[in-house]
Amino acid sequence: MWQLHQFPLCPFSRKVRLAMGEKNVAYELVLAYPWDSGDELAKLNAAGRTPVLADPGRGIALADSRAICEFLEETVERSPLLGGSSLARAEIRRLVALFDEGFYNDVTGPLLSEKMKKRLVTRQPPDSRVLREAMKAAHEHLYYLDWLIDTRSWLAGPMLSLADLAAAAQLSVADYLGGIDWTGHEQTAGWYAVFKSRPSFRPLLQEKMEGIHPPAHYALVDA
């Protein structure tokens, strides 16, 4: 069976978990903190980062969420997440990059640094200025998401795709950390509520990061 080395608030691990859930691929979770894993994680991924999808029995270890998701897309036919024409696939990949890089660098990454790493690793108080900037940036990204949802059935087009999974993974971590103000973003809030109700998403709502508690609305599928 596949083993997914991850920790609960890793947005890239969440994207892989959503993809495996949508494709109904069985796996077991292996807790791995990049800041406290020693050589164990580095043996699987020289970069020392999560996620890593491994099958010890077959001697396989895959690193990088985009590489893992594309591998799943190429090897599991059911529930395609990167389908359509070449132009459609290019749009999906563009949006995946936007959320994996832009949203993460502007919003999720700073929130994780200030609200998770400083609390659990360096034992420092969060920088309120950084938190304000992250929440301000979140609004800008949400406005773009609102526009996408106004003009398309799903983020990249008529069908659910890897772009939706990438966005939901980043949003879920930011929301867990209290970094999302949904006011004025009814379109994205509605799309996210629908996504939260999917079977692939439910395990994420039930999982908690030790020492960090989400806001009360986090696990509500209609909020």
N, C-alpha and C. Protein backbone atom coordinates (compact mmCIF):
# COMPACT_ATOMS: atom_id res chain seq x y z
N MET A 1 0.84 -1.20 0.00
CA MET A 1 0.00 0.00 0.00
C MET A 1 0.87 1.25 0.00
N TRP A 2 0.35 2.28 -0.63
CA TRP A 2 1.05 3.56 -0.62
C TRP A 2 1.11 4.12 0.79
N GLN A 3 2.22 4.78 1.09
CA GLN A 3 2.38 5.54 2.33
C GLN A 3 2.62 7.00 1.97
N LEU A 4 1.83 7.88 2.57
CA LEU A 4 2.00 9.31 2.31
C LEU A 4 2.63 9.95 3.53
N HIS A 5 3.86 10.39 3.37
CA HIS A 5 4.59 11.06 4.45
C HIS A 5 4.19 12.53 4.41
N GLN A 6 3.60 13.01 5.50
CA GLN A 6 3.01 14.35 5.52
C GLN A 6 2.78 14.79 6.96
N PHE A 7 2.37 16.05 7.11
CA PHE A 7 1.87 16.52 8.40
C PHE A 7 0.57 17.27 8.16
N PRO A 8 -0.31 17.38 9.16
CA PRO A 8 -1.68 17.82 8.92
C PRO A 8 -1.84 19.16 8.22
N LEU A 9 -0.94 20.12 8.43
CA LEU A 9 -1.12 21.44 7.84
C LEU A 9 -0.19 21.69 6.65
N CYS A 10 0.28 20.63 6.04
CA CYS A 10 1.05 20.79 4.80
C CYS A 10 0.07 20.89 3.64
N PRO A 11 -0.07 22.06 3.00
CA PRO A 11 -1.07 22.21 1.94
C PRO A 11 -0.78 21.34 0.72
N PHE A 12 0.49 21.06 0.46
CA PHE A 12 0.84 20.25 -0.70
C PHE A 12 0.51 18.78 -0.45
N SER A 13 0.68 18.34 0.79
CA SER A 13 0.23 17.00 1.15
C SER A 13 -1.28 16.90 1.06
N ARG A 14 -1.97 17.95 1.44
CA ARG A 14 -3.43 17.96 1.35
C ARG A 14 -3.89 17.84 -0.10
N LYS A 15 -3.19 18.49 -0.99
CA LYS A 15 -3.55 18.38 -2.41
C LYS A 15 -3.43 16.94 -2.88
N VAL A 16 -2.35 16.27 -2.49
CA VAL A 16 -2.16 14.87 -2.87
C VAL A 16 -3.24 13.99 -2.24
N ARG A 17 -3.58 14.25 -0.98
CA ARG A 17 -4.63 13.48 -0.33
C ARG A 17 -5.97 13.66 -1.03
N LEU A 18 -6.26 14.87 -1.46
CA LEU A 18 -7.51 15.11 -2.19
C LEU A 18 -7.50 14.36 -3.52
N ALA A 19 -6.37 14.38 -4.21
CA ALA A 19 -6.28 13.67 -5.49
C ALA A 19 -6.46 12.17 -5.29
N MET A 20 -5.84 11.62 -4.27
CA MET A 20 -5.96 10.19 -4.00
C MET A 20 -7.38 9.84 -3.56
N GLY A 21 -8.01 10.75 -2.83
CA GLY A 21 -9.40 10.54 -2.42
C GLY A 21 -10.34 10.56 -3.61
N GLU A 22 -10.15 11.53 -4.51
CA GLU A 22 -11.00 11.62 -5.69
C GLU A 22 -10.83 10.40 -6.58
N LYS A 23 -9.61 9.87 -6.64
CA LYS A 23 -9.34 8.72 -7.49
C LYS A 23 -9.53 7.39 -6.76
N ASN A 24 -9.90 7.47 -5.48
CA ASN A 24 -10.15 6.27 -4.68
C ASN A 24 -8.93 5.36 -4.62
N VAL A 25 -7.78 5.96 -4.35
CA VAL A 25 -6.52 5.22 -4.20
C VAL A 25 -6.25 5.06 -2.71
N ALA A 26 -6.07 3.83 -2.27
CA ALA A 26 -5.84 3.56 -0.85
C ALA A 26 -4.42 3.97 -0.44
N TYR A 27 -4.28 4.49 0.76
CA TYR A 27 -2.97 4.86 1.29
C TYR A 27 -3.06 4.95 2.80
N GLU A 28 -1.92 4.96 3.44
CA GLU A 28 -1.86 5.20 4.88
C GLU A 28 -0.98 6.41 5.14
N LEU A 29 -1.31 7.14 6.18
CA LEU A 29 -0.57 8.35 6.52
C LEU A 29 0.62 8.03 7.41
N VAL A 30 1.74 8.69 7.13
CA VAL A 30 2.93 8.59 7.98
C VAL A 30 3.28 10.02 8.39
N LEU A 31 3.22 10.30 9.68
CA LEU A 31 3.49 11.65 10.16
C LEU A 31 4.96 12.00 9.98
N ALA A 32 5.21 13.12 9.34
CA ALA A 32 6.59 13.56 9.09
C ALA A 32 6.66 15.08 9.19
N TYR A 33 7.40 15.57 10.18
CA TYR A 33 7.61 17.01 10.32
C TYR A 33 8.96 17.36 9.69
N PRO A 34 8.98 18.16 8.63
CA PRO A 34 10.25 18.48 7.98
C PRO A 34 11.29 19.09 8.91
N TRP A 35 10.84 19.78 9.95
CA TRP A 35 11.77 20.44 10.87
C TRP A 35 12.23 19.49 11.99
N ASP A 36 11.70 18.27 12.03
CA ASP A 36 12.02 17.38 13.14
C ASP A 36 12.06 15.92 12.69
N SER A 37 12.48 15.68 11.46
CA SER A 37 12.47 14.31 10.94
C SER A 37 13.85 13.71 10.77
N GLY A 38 14.90 14.49 11.02
CA GLY A 38 16.24 13.96 10.89
C GLY A 38 16.53 13.47 9.48
N ASP A 39 17.19 12.32 9.41
CA ASP A 39 17.57 11.78 8.11
C ASP A 39 16.47 10.94 7.48
N GLU A 40 15.44 10.61 8.25
CA GLU A 40 14.41 9.69 7.74
C GLU A 40 13.71 10.25 6.51
N LEU A 41 13.27 11.52 6.59
CA LEU A 41 12.59 12.12 5.46
C LEU A 41 13.56 12.38 4.31
N ALA A 42 14.79 12.77 4.66
CA ALA A 42 15.80 13.05 3.64
C ALA A 42 16.16 11.81 2.82
N LYS A 43 16.01 10.64 3.42
CA LYS A 43 16.28 9.40 2.68
C LYS A 43 15.26 9.19 1.56
N LEU A 44 14.06 9.68 1.78
CA LEU A 44 13.00 9.55 0.78
C LEU A 44 12.99 10.72 -0.19
N ASN A 45 13.32 11.91 0.32
CA ASN A 45 13.35 13.12 -0.50
C ASN A 45 14.54 13.95 -0.05
N ALA A 46 15.52 14.07 -0.92
CA ALA A 46 16.76 14.77 -0.55
C ALA A 46 16.50 16.21 -0.11
N ALA A 47 15.38 16.79 -0.58
CA ALA A 47 15.04 18.17 -0.18
C ALA A 47 14.51 18.22 1.25
N GLY A 48 14.15 17.07 1.82
CA GLY A 48 13.66 17.05 3.20
C GLY A 48 12.30 17.68 3.37
N ARG A 49 11.46 17.63 2.31
CA ARG A 49 10.15 18.26 2.37
C ARG A 49 9.04 17.24 2.17
N THR A 50 7.88 17.58 2.67
CA THR A 50 6.68 16.79 2.42
C THR A 50 5.91 17.44 1.27
N PRO A 51 5.11 16.64 0.53
CA PRO A 51 4.80 15.22 0.76
C PRO A 51 5.78 14.30 0.03
N VAL A 52 5.82 13.06 0.53
CA VAL A 52 6.49 11.98 -0.18
C VAL A 52 5.51 10.82 -0.24
N LEU A 53 5.29 10.30 -1.42
CA LEU A 53 4.42 9.14 -1.61
C LEU A 53 5.32 7.94 -1.87
N ALA A 54 5.28 6.96 -0.97
CA ALA A 54 6.22 5.84 -1.05
C ALA A 54 5.49 4.51 -1.03
N ASP A 55 6.09 3.56 -1.69
CA ASP A 55 5.66 2.17 -1.64
C ASP A 55 6.91 1.35 -1.34
N PRO A 56 7.20 1.09 -0.05
CA PRO A 56 8.44 0.39 0.31
C PRO A 56 8.58 -0.97 -0.36
N GLY A 57 7.46 -1.67 -0.54
CA GLY A 57 7.51 -2.98 -1.15
C GLY A 57 8.03 -2.96 -2.57
N ARG A 58 7.78 -1.89 -3.28
CA ARG A 58 8.23 -1.76 -4.66
C ARG A 58 9.44 -0.84 -4.79
N GLY A 59 9.92 -0.32 -3.66
CA GLY A 59 11.08 0.55 -3.70
C GLY A 59 10.84 1.86 -4.41
N ILE A 60 9.59 2.39 -4.28
CA ILE A 60 9.21 3.64 -4.95
C ILE A 60 9.08 4.76 -3.92
N ALA A 61 9.64 5.91 -4.22
CA ALA A 61 9.45 7.11 -3.40
C ALA A 61 9.32 8.30 -4.33
N LEU A 62 8.15 8.93 -4.32
CA LEU A 62 7.88 10.07 -5.19
C LEU A 62 7.78 11.34 -4.35
N ALA A 63 8.45 12.40 -4.78
CA ALA A 63 8.43 13.67 -4.06
C ALA A 63 7.90 14.77 -4.96
N ASP A 64 7.42 15.85 -4.33
CA ASP A 64 6.86 17.03 -4.98
C ASP A 64 5.40 16.75 -5.34
N SER A 65 4.51 17.59 -4.81
CA SER A 65 3.08 17.34 -4.98
C SER A 65 2.64 17.36 -6.44
N ARG A 66 3.23 18.24 -7.25
CA ARG A 66 2.81 18.28 -8.65
C ARG A 66 3.26 17.02 -9.40
N ALA A 67 4.48 16.56 -9.10
CA ALA A 67 4.96 15.32 -9.72
C ALA A 67 4.11 14.14 -9.28
N ILE A 68 3.74 14.10 -8.01
CA ILE A 68 2.93 13.01 -7.49
C ILE A 68 1.55 13.02 -8.15
N CYS A 69 0.93 14.18 -8.22
CA CYS A 69 -0.41 14.27 -8.79
C CYS A 69 -0.40 13.90 -10.28
N GLU A 70 0.63 14.31 -11.00
CA GLU A 70 0.71 13.94 -12.41
C GLU A 70 0.96 12.44 -12.55
N PHE A 71 1.74 11.85 -11.66
CA PHE A 71 1.95 10.40 -11.67
C PHE A 71 0.61 9.68 -11.45
N LEU A 72 -0.17 10.14 -10.48
CA LEU A 72 -1.47 9.53 -10.23
C LEU A 72 -2.38 9.68 -11.44
N GLU A 73 -2.31 10.83 -12.09
CA GLU A 73 -3.14 11.07 -13.26
C GLU A 73 -2.77 10.11 -14.40
N GLU A 74 -1.49 9.82 -14.53
CA GLU A 74 -1.02 8.96 -15.61
C GLU A 74 -1.24 7.47 -15.31
N THR A 75 -1.36 7.10 -14.03
CA THR A 75 -1.43 5.68 -13.68
C THR A 75 -2.80 5.24 -13.18
N VAL A 76 -3.69 6.18 -12.87
CA VAL A 76 -5.03 5.84 -12.39
C VAL A 76 -6.04 6.50 -13.33
N GLU A 77 -6.75 5.70 -14.10
CA GLU A 77 -7.63 6.25 -15.13
C GLU A 77 -8.88 6.90 -14.57
N ARG A 78 -9.42 6.38 -13.46
CA ARG A 78 -10.70 6.89 -12.98
C ARG A 78 -10.57 8.31 -12.44
N SER A 79 -11.66 9.04 -12.55
CA SER A 79 -11.76 10.42 -12.05
C SER A 79 -10.61 11.30 -12.54
N PRO A 80 -10.50 11.52 -13.84
CA PRO A 80 -9.41 12.35 -14.35
C PRO A 80 -9.47 13.77 -13.80
N LEU A 81 -8.31 14.28 -13.43
CA LEU A 81 -8.20 15.62 -12.85
C LEU A 81 -7.41 16.57 -13.74
N LEU A 82 -6.90 16.05 -14.84
CA LEU A 82 -6.10 16.86 -15.76
C LEU A 82 -6.51 16.48 -17.18
N GLY A 83 -7.80 16.66 -17.46
CA GLY A 83 -8.35 16.21 -18.72
C GLY A 83 -8.65 17.35 -19.68
N GLY A 84 -9.30 16.98 -20.78
CA GLY A 84 -9.69 17.97 -21.78
C GLY A 84 -8.62 18.16 -22.83
N SER A 85 -8.77 19.22 -23.60
CA SER A 85 -7.83 19.53 -24.68
C SER A 85 -6.50 20.00 -24.11
N SER A 86 -5.52 20.17 -25.00
CA SER A 86 -4.21 20.67 -24.56
C SER A 86 -4.33 22.06 -23.97
N LEU A 87 -5.23 22.88 -24.53
CA LEU A 87 -5.46 24.22 -23.97
C LEU A 87 -6.10 24.13 -22.59
N ALA A 88 -7.05 23.20 -22.41
CA ALA A 88 -7.70 23.03 -21.12
C ALA A 88 -6.68 22.56 -20.07
N ARG A 89 -5.81 21.65 -20.44
CA ARG A 89 -4.80 21.15 -19.50
C ARG A 89 -3.80 22.26 -19.15
N ALA A 90 -3.48 23.10 -20.12
CA ALA A 90 -2.58 24.22 -19.85
C ALA A 90 -3.20 25.18 -18.83
N GLU A 91 -4.51 25.41 -18.94
CA GLU A 91 -5.19 26.29 -17.99
C GLU A 91 -5.22 25.67 -16.60
N ILE A 92 -5.44 24.38 -16.52
CA ILE A 92 -5.41 23.70 -15.22
C ILE A 92 -4.03 23.86 -14.58
N ARG A 93 -3.00 23.61 -15.37
CA ARG A 93 -1.63 23.70 -14.83
C ARG A 93 -1.29 25.14 -14.43
N ARG A 94 -1.79 26.11 -15.19
CA ARG A 94 -1.54 27.52 -14.82
C ARG A 94 -2.13 27.83 -13.47
N LEU A 95 -3.36 27.38 -13.24
CA LEU A 95 -4.01 27.66 -11.96
C LEU A 95 -3.38 26.89 -10.82
N VAL A 96 -2.97 25.66 -11.08
CA VAL A 96 -2.26 24.90 -10.03
C VAL A 96 -1.01 25.66 -9.60
N ALA A 97 -0.26 26.17 -10.56
CA ALA A 97 0.94 26.95 -10.25
C ALA A 97 0.59 28.21 -9.48
N LEU A 98 -0.51 28.86 -9.86
CA LEU A 98 -0.94 30.07 -9.17
C LEU A 98 -1.18 29.80 -7.69
N PHE A 99 -1.88 28.70 -7.37
CA PHE A 99 -2.19 28.39 -5.98
C PHE A 99 -0.98 27.82 -5.24
N ASP A 100 -0.24 26.93 -5.90
CA ASP A 100 0.93 26.32 -5.25
C ASP A 100 2.02 27.35 -4.97
N GLU A 101 2.15 28.32 -5.85
CA GLU A 101 3.23 29.28 -5.71
C GLU A 101 2.72 30.63 -5.20
N GLY A 102 1.81 31.25 -5.97
CA GLY A 102 1.35 32.59 -5.59
C GLY A 102 0.59 32.61 -4.28
N PHE A 103 -0.46 31.80 -4.16
CA PHE A 103 -1.24 31.81 -2.92
C PHE A 103 -0.39 31.34 -1.74
N TYR A 104 0.43 30.32 -1.97
CA TYR A 104 1.27 29.83 -0.87
C TYR A 104 2.26 30.91 -0.42
N ASN A 105 2.95 31.54 -1.35
CA ASN A 105 3.96 32.54 -0.99
C ASN A 105 3.33 33.76 -0.33
N ASP A 106 2.14 34.15 -0.78
CA ASP A 106 1.50 35.36 -0.26
C ASP A 106 0.71 35.12 1.02
N VAL A 107 0.11 33.95 1.15
CA VAL A 107 -0.86 33.72 2.23
C VAL A 107 -0.51 32.52 3.11
N THR A 108 -0.56 31.33 2.54
CA THR A 108 -0.41 30.13 3.37
C THR A 108 0.97 30.05 4.02
N GLY A 109 2.01 30.31 3.26
CA GLY A 109 3.36 30.23 3.80
C GLY A 109 3.59 31.16 4.97
N PRO A 110 3.27 32.47 4.82
CA PRO A 110 3.42 33.37 5.98
C PRO A 110 2.57 32.95 7.18
N LEU A 111 1.34 32.49 6.95
CA LEU A 111 0.50 32.05 8.06
C LEU A 111 1.12 30.85 8.77
N LEU A 112 1.64 29.90 8.01
CA LEU A 112 2.29 28.74 8.62
C LEU A 112 3.52 29.15 9.42
N SER A 113 4.29 30.08 8.86
CA SER A 113 5.49 30.54 9.55
C SER A 113 5.15 31.23 10.87
N GLU A 114 4.15 32.11 10.82
CA GLU A 114 3.83 32.91 12.01
C GLU A 114 2.98 32.15 13.03
N LYS A 115 2.04 31.35 12.57
CA LYS A 115 1.07 30.73 13.49
C LYS A 115 1.38 29.28 13.83
N MET A 116 2.21 28.63 13.03
CA MET A 116 2.56 27.24 13.33
C MET A 116 4.02 27.11 13.75
N LYS A 117 4.94 27.49 12.85
CA LYS A 117 6.35 27.26 13.14
C LYS A 117 6.84 28.05 14.35
N LYS A 118 6.41 29.31 14.45
CA LYS A 118 6.85 30.10 15.60
C LYS A 118 6.30 29.54 16.91
N ARG A 119 5.11 28.97 16.85
CA ARG A 119 4.51 28.42 18.05
C ARG A 119 5.13 27.07 18.43
N LEU A 120 5.33 26.22 17.45
CA LEU A 120 5.75 24.85 17.73
C LEU A 120 7.26 24.65 17.68
N VAL A 121 7.95 25.47 16.88
CA VAL A 121 9.38 25.22 16.67
C VAL A 121 10.26 26.24 17.36
N THR A 122 10.09 27.51 17.05
CA THR A 122 10.99 28.54 17.59
C THR A 122 10.49 29.18 18.88
N ARG A 123 9.22 28.89 19.23
CA ARG A 123 8.62 29.41 20.47
C ARG A 123 8.67 30.93 20.52
N GLN A 124 8.27 31.56 19.41
CA GLN A 124 8.24 33.01 19.33
C GLN A 124 6.81 33.48 19.08
N PRO A 125 6.51 34.72 19.46
CA PRO A 125 5.18 35.25 19.15
C PRO A 125 5.08 35.60 17.67
N PRO A 126 3.89 35.52 17.10
CA PRO A 126 3.73 35.88 15.68
C PRO A 126 3.91 37.37 15.45
N ASP A 127 4.30 37.73 14.26
CA ASP A 127 4.47 39.12 13.85
C ASP A 127 3.13 39.60 13.30
N SER A 128 2.47 40.52 13.99
CA SER A 128 1.14 40.97 13.57
C SER A 128 1.17 41.65 12.20
N ARG A 129 2.27 42.30 11.86
CA ARG A 129 2.36 42.95 10.55
C ARG A 129 2.33 41.91 9.43
N VAL A 130 3.05 40.83 9.61
CA VAL A 130 3.08 39.77 8.60
C VAL A 130 1.69 39.15 8.45
N LEU A 131 1.01 38.95 9.57
CA LEU A 131 -0.34 38.38 9.54
C LEU A 131 -1.30 39.30 8.81
N ARG A 132 -1.20 40.61 9.05
CA ARG A 132 -2.07 41.56 8.36
C ARG A 132 -1.82 41.54 6.86
N GLU A 133 -0.56 41.48 6.47
CA GLU A 133 -0.22 41.45 5.04
C GLU A 133 -0.73 40.17 4.38
N ALA A 134 -0.65 39.06 5.09
CA ALA A 134 -1.13 37.79 4.54
C ALA A 134 -2.64 37.83 4.34
N MET A 135 -3.37 38.37 5.31
CA MET A 135 -4.82 38.45 5.18
C MET A 135 -5.23 39.43 4.09
N LYS A 136 -4.47 40.50 3.93
CA LYS A 136 -4.74 41.45 2.84
C LYS A 136 -4.52 40.77 1.50
N ALA A 137 -3.43 40.01 1.39
CA ALA A 137 -3.15 39.30 0.14
C ALA A 137 -4.23 38.24 -0.13
N ALA A 138 -4.74 37.63 0.93
CA ALA A 138 -5.79 36.62 0.76
C ALA A 138 -7.01 37.23 0.08
N HIS A 139 -7.37 38.45 0.46
CA HIS A 139 -8.52 39.12 -0.17
C HIS A 139 -8.31 39.27 -1.67
N GLU A 140 -7.10 39.64 -2.08
CA GLU A 140 -6.83 39.82 -3.51
C GLU A 140 -6.97 38.49 -4.26
N HIS A 141 -6.46 37.43 -3.68
CA HIS A 141 -6.60 36.12 -4.31
C HIS A 141 -8.07 35.68 -4.35
N LEU A 142 -8.81 35.98 -3.29
CA LEU A 142 -10.22 35.60 -3.25
C LEU A 142 -11.04 36.35 -4.29
N TYR A 143 -10.68 37.61 -4.55
CA TYR A 143 -11.38 38.35 -5.60
C TYR A 143 -11.20 37.65 -6.95
N TYR A 144 -10.00 37.16 -7.21
CA TYR A 144 -9.76 36.45 -8.47
C TYR A 144 -10.54 35.13 -8.50
N LEU A 145 -10.57 34.43 -7.37
CA LEU A 145 -11.37 33.21 -7.28
C LEU A 145 -12.84 33.50 -7.51
N ASP A 146 -13.33 34.60 -6.94
CA ASP A 146 -14.73 34.99 -7.16
C ASP A 146 -15.01 35.13 -8.65
N TRP A 147 -14.08 35.77 -9.36
CA TRP A 147 -14.27 35.97 -10.81
C TRP A 147 -14.28 34.64 -11.55
N LEU A 148 -13.36 33.75 -11.19
CA LEU A 148 -13.33 32.44 -11.84
C LEU A 148 -14.65 31.70 -11.64
N ILE A 149 -15.16 31.74 -10.42
CA ILE A 149 -16.39 31.01 -10.10
C ILE A 149 -17.60 31.66 -10.78
N ASP A 150 -17.55 32.97 -10.97
CA ASP A 150 -18.64 33.66 -11.68
C ASP A 150 -18.69 33.28 -13.15
N THR A 151 -17.55 32.90 -13.71
CA THR A 151 -17.47 32.69 -15.16
C THR A 151 -17.33 31.22 -15.56
N ARG A 152 -17.17 30.31 -14.59
CA ARG A 152 -16.95 28.91 -14.90
C ARG A 152 -17.69 28.03 -13.91
N SER A 153 -17.97 26.79 -14.31
CA SER A 153 -18.61 25.84 -13.39
C SER A 153 -17.64 25.43 -12.28
N TRP A 154 -16.39 25.15 -12.65
CA TRP A 154 -15.31 24.89 -11.70
C TRP A 154 -14.18 25.86 -12.04
N LEU A 155 -13.13 25.86 -11.27
CA LEU A 155 -12.13 26.92 -11.41
C LEU A 155 -11.48 26.96 -12.79
N ALA A 156 -11.21 25.80 -13.38
CA ALA A 156 -10.52 25.79 -14.67
C ALA A 156 -11.45 25.56 -15.85
N GLY A 157 -12.73 25.32 -15.58
CA GLY A 157 -13.64 25.04 -16.69
C GLY A 157 -14.87 24.28 -16.25
N PRO A 158 -15.44 23.46 -17.12
CA PRO A 158 -16.71 22.80 -16.82
C PRO A 158 -16.61 21.62 -15.87
N MET A 159 -15.40 21.08 -15.66
CA MET A 159 -15.24 19.90 -14.84
C MET A 159 -14.30 20.17 -13.66
N LEU A 160 -14.55 19.48 -12.55
CA LEU A 160 -13.63 19.54 -11.42
C LEU A 160 -12.26 19.08 -11.89
N SER A 161 -11.21 19.77 -11.44
CA SER A 161 -9.86 19.43 -11.90
C SER A 161 -8.85 19.61 -10.77
N LEU A 162 -7.62 19.34 -11.11
CA LEU A 162 -6.53 19.50 -10.14
C LEU A 162 -6.43 20.94 -9.66
N ALA A 163 -6.89 21.90 -10.46
CA ALA A 163 -6.88 23.30 -10.03
C ALA A 163 -7.77 23.51 -8.81
N ASP A 164 -8.93 22.88 -8.78
CA ASP A 164 -9.82 22.98 -7.63
C ASP A 164 -9.18 22.37 -6.39
N LEU A 165 -8.50 21.24 -6.57
CA LEU A 165 -7.86 20.58 -5.45
C LEU A 165 -6.72 21.44 -4.89
N ALA A 166 -5.93 22.04 -5.78
CA ALA A 166 -4.82 22.88 -5.33
C ALA A 166 -5.33 24.10 -4.55
N ALA A 167 -6.40 24.72 -5.06
CA ALA A 167 -6.97 25.87 -4.37
C ALA A 167 -7.56 25.47 -3.03
N ALA A 168 -8.33 24.39 -3.00
CA ALA A 168 -8.96 23.96 -1.76
C ALA A 168 -7.93 23.59 -0.70
N ALA A 169 -6.82 22.98 -1.13
CA ALA A 169 -5.78 22.60 -0.18
C ALA A 169 -5.17 23.83 0.49
N GLN A 170 -4.85 24.85 -0.31
CA GLN A 170 -4.27 26.08 0.25
C GLN A 170 -5.28 26.80 1.13
N LEU A 171 -6.50 26.94 0.64
CA LEU A 171 -7.54 27.64 1.41
C LEU A 171 -7.81 26.95 2.73
N SER A 172 -7.81 25.62 2.73
CA SER A 172 -8.14 24.89 3.95
C SER A 172 -7.12 25.14 5.04
N VAL A 173 -5.84 25.21 4.68
CA VAL A 173 -4.81 25.48 5.68
C VAL A 173 -4.92 26.92 6.18
N ALA A 174 -5.09 27.86 5.25
CA ALA A 174 -5.24 29.26 5.65
C ALA A 174 -6.47 29.44 6.54
N ASP A 175 -7.56 28.75 6.21
CA ASP A 175 -8.77 28.84 7.02
C ASP A 175 -8.57 28.22 8.39
N TYR A 176 -7.88 27.10 8.46
CA TYR A 176 -7.57 26.45 9.73
C TYR A 176 -6.82 27.41 10.65
N LEU A 177 -5.93 28.20 10.06
CA LEU A 177 -5.09 29.12 10.84
C LEU A 177 -5.76 30.47 11.07
N GLY A 178 -7.04 30.59 10.68
CA GLY A 178 -7.77 31.83 10.92
C GLY A 178 -7.35 32.97 10.04
N GLY A 179 -6.78 32.66 8.86
CA GLY A 179 -6.26 33.72 8.01
C GLY A 179 -7.17 34.13 6.87
N ILE A 180 -8.41 33.62 6.85
CA ILE A 180 -9.33 33.95 5.77
C ILE A 180 -10.54 34.70 6.31
N ASP A 181 -10.78 35.88 5.78
CA ASP A 181 -12.00 36.63 6.06
C ASP A 181 -12.90 36.47 4.84
N TRP A 182 -13.97 35.71 5.00
CA TRP A 182 -14.83 35.39 3.87
C TRP A 182 -15.80 36.52 3.50
N THR A 183 -15.83 37.61 4.27
CA THR A 183 -16.75 38.71 4.02
C THR A 183 -16.57 39.27 2.61
N GLY A 184 -17.66 39.35 1.87
CA GLY A 184 -17.61 39.89 0.52
C GLY A 184 -17.16 38.90 -0.53
N HIS A 185 -16.97 37.65 -0.14
CA HIS A 185 -16.51 36.63 -1.09
C HIS A 185 -17.48 35.46 -1.11
N GLU A 186 -18.75 35.79 -1.34
CA GLU A 186 -19.79 34.76 -1.29
C GLU A 186 -19.59 33.69 -2.37
N GLN A 187 -19.07 34.09 -3.53
CA GLN A 187 -18.87 33.11 -4.61
C GLN A 187 -17.87 32.05 -4.18
N THR A 188 -16.71 32.48 -3.69
CA THR A 188 -15.69 31.53 -3.29
C THR A 188 -16.12 30.74 -2.06
N ALA A 189 -16.80 31.41 -1.13
CA ALA A 189 -17.28 30.71 0.06
C ALA A 189 -18.26 29.61 -0.33
N GLY A 190 -19.11 29.88 -1.31
CA GLY A 190 -20.07 28.87 -1.76
C GLY A 190 -19.38 27.70 -2.44
N TRP A 191 -18.41 28.01 -3.31
CA TRP A 191 -17.64 26.95 -3.98
C TRP A 191 -16.90 26.10 -2.94
N TYR A 192 -16.29 26.76 -1.97
CA TYR A 192 -15.53 26.04 -0.95
C TYR A 192 -16.44 25.17 -0.09
N ALA A 193 -17.63 25.65 0.22
CA ALA A 193 -18.59 24.85 1.01
C ALA A 193 -18.98 23.59 0.24
N VAL A 194 -19.18 23.72 -1.06
CA VAL A 194 -19.49 22.54 -1.88
C VAL A 194 -18.32 21.57 -1.87
N PHE A 195 -17.11 22.10 -2.00
CA PHE A 195 -15.94 21.24 -2.02
C PHE A 195 -15.75 20.54 -0.68
N LYS A 196 -16.01 21.25 0.41
CA LYS A 196 -15.86 20.65 1.74
C LYS A 196 -16.79 19.46 1.95
N SER A 197 -17.88 19.42 1.23
CA SER A 197 -18.85 18.34 1.40
C SER A 197 -18.46 17.08 0.62
N ARG A 198 -17.43 17.14 -0.20
CA ARG A 198 -17.01 15.98 -0.97
C ARG A 198 -16.35 14.94 -0.05
N PRO A 199 -16.56 13.66 -0.31
CA PRO A 199 -15.95 12.61 0.52
C PRO A 199 -14.44 12.73 0.63
N SER A 200 -13.77 13.19 -0.43
CA SER A 200 -12.31 13.30 -0.39
C SER A 200 -11.84 14.33 0.62
N PHE A 201 -12.71 15.30 0.94
CA PHE A 201 -12.30 16.40 1.82
C PHE A 201 -12.57 16.10 3.29
N ARG A 202 -13.51 15.22 3.57
CA ARG A 202 -13.94 15.00 4.95
C ARG A 202 -12.81 14.60 5.90
N PRO A 203 -11.89 13.72 5.49
CA PRO A 203 -10.80 13.39 6.42
C PRO A 203 -9.97 14.59 6.84
N LEU A 204 -9.82 15.58 5.95
CA LEU A 204 -9.05 16.77 6.29
C LEU A 204 -9.75 17.58 7.36
N LEU A 205 -11.08 17.66 7.28
CA LEU A 205 -11.84 18.42 8.26
C LEU A 205 -11.77 17.80 9.65
N GLN A 206 -11.58 16.50 9.71
CA GLN A 206 -11.55 15.80 10.99
C GLN A 206 -10.17 15.79 11.63
N GLU A 207 -9.15 16.11 10.86
CA GLU A 207 -7.78 16.02 11.36
C GLU A 207 -7.34 17.34 11.99
N LYS A 208 -6.63 17.25 13.09
CA LYS A 208 -6.16 18.43 13.80
C LYS A 208 -4.64 18.41 13.93
N MET A 209 -4.06 19.59 13.98
CA MET A 209 -2.63 19.74 14.23
C MET A 209 -2.42 19.90 15.72
N GLU A 210 -1.62 19.03 16.29
CA GLU A 210 -1.41 19.06 17.74
C GLU A 210 -0.90 20.43 18.19
N GLY A 211 -1.59 21.00 19.18
CA GLY A 211 -1.18 22.29 19.73
C GLY A 211 -1.76 23.50 19.03
N ILE A 212 -2.47 23.29 17.92
CA ILE A 212 -3.07 24.40 17.17
C ILE A 212 -4.51 24.05 16.86
N HIS A 213 -5.42 24.87 17.32
CA HIS A 213 -6.84 24.57 17.15
C HIS A 213 -7.45 25.49 16.10
N PRO A 214 -8.28 24.95 15.20
CA PRO A 214 -8.91 25.76 14.16
C PRO A 214 -10.09 26.54 14.70
N PRO A 215 -10.56 27.56 13.98
CA PRO A 215 -11.78 28.28 14.39
C PRO A 215 -12.99 27.35 14.31
N ALA A 216 -14.06 27.73 15.00
CA ALA A 216 -15.23 26.87 15.12
C ALA A 216 -15.86 26.54 13.76
N HIS A 217 -15.80 27.46 12.80
CA HIS A 217 -16.44 27.22 11.51
C HIS A 217 -15.68 26.28 10.61
N TYR A 218 -14.43 25.98 10.94
CA TYR A 218 -13.54 25.26 10.03
C TYR A 218 -14.12 23.95 9.54
N ALA A 219 -14.67 23.14 10.45
CA ALA A 219 -15.13 21.81 10.10
C ALA A 219 -16.59 21.77 9.64
N LEU A 220 -17.26 22.92 9.59
CA LEU A 220 -18.66 22.95 9.16
C LEU A 220 -18.71 22.96 7.65
N VAL A 221 -19.42 22.02 7.06
CA VAL A 221 -19.45 21.91 5.60
C VAL A 221 -20.25 23.02 4.95
N ASP A 222 -21.09 23.72 5.71
CA ASP A 222 -21.89 24.79 5.12
C ASP A 222 -21.40 26.16 5.55
N ALA A 223 -20.16 26.24 5.96
CA ALA A 223 -19.59 27.53 6.42
C ALA A 223 -18.20 27.75 5.83
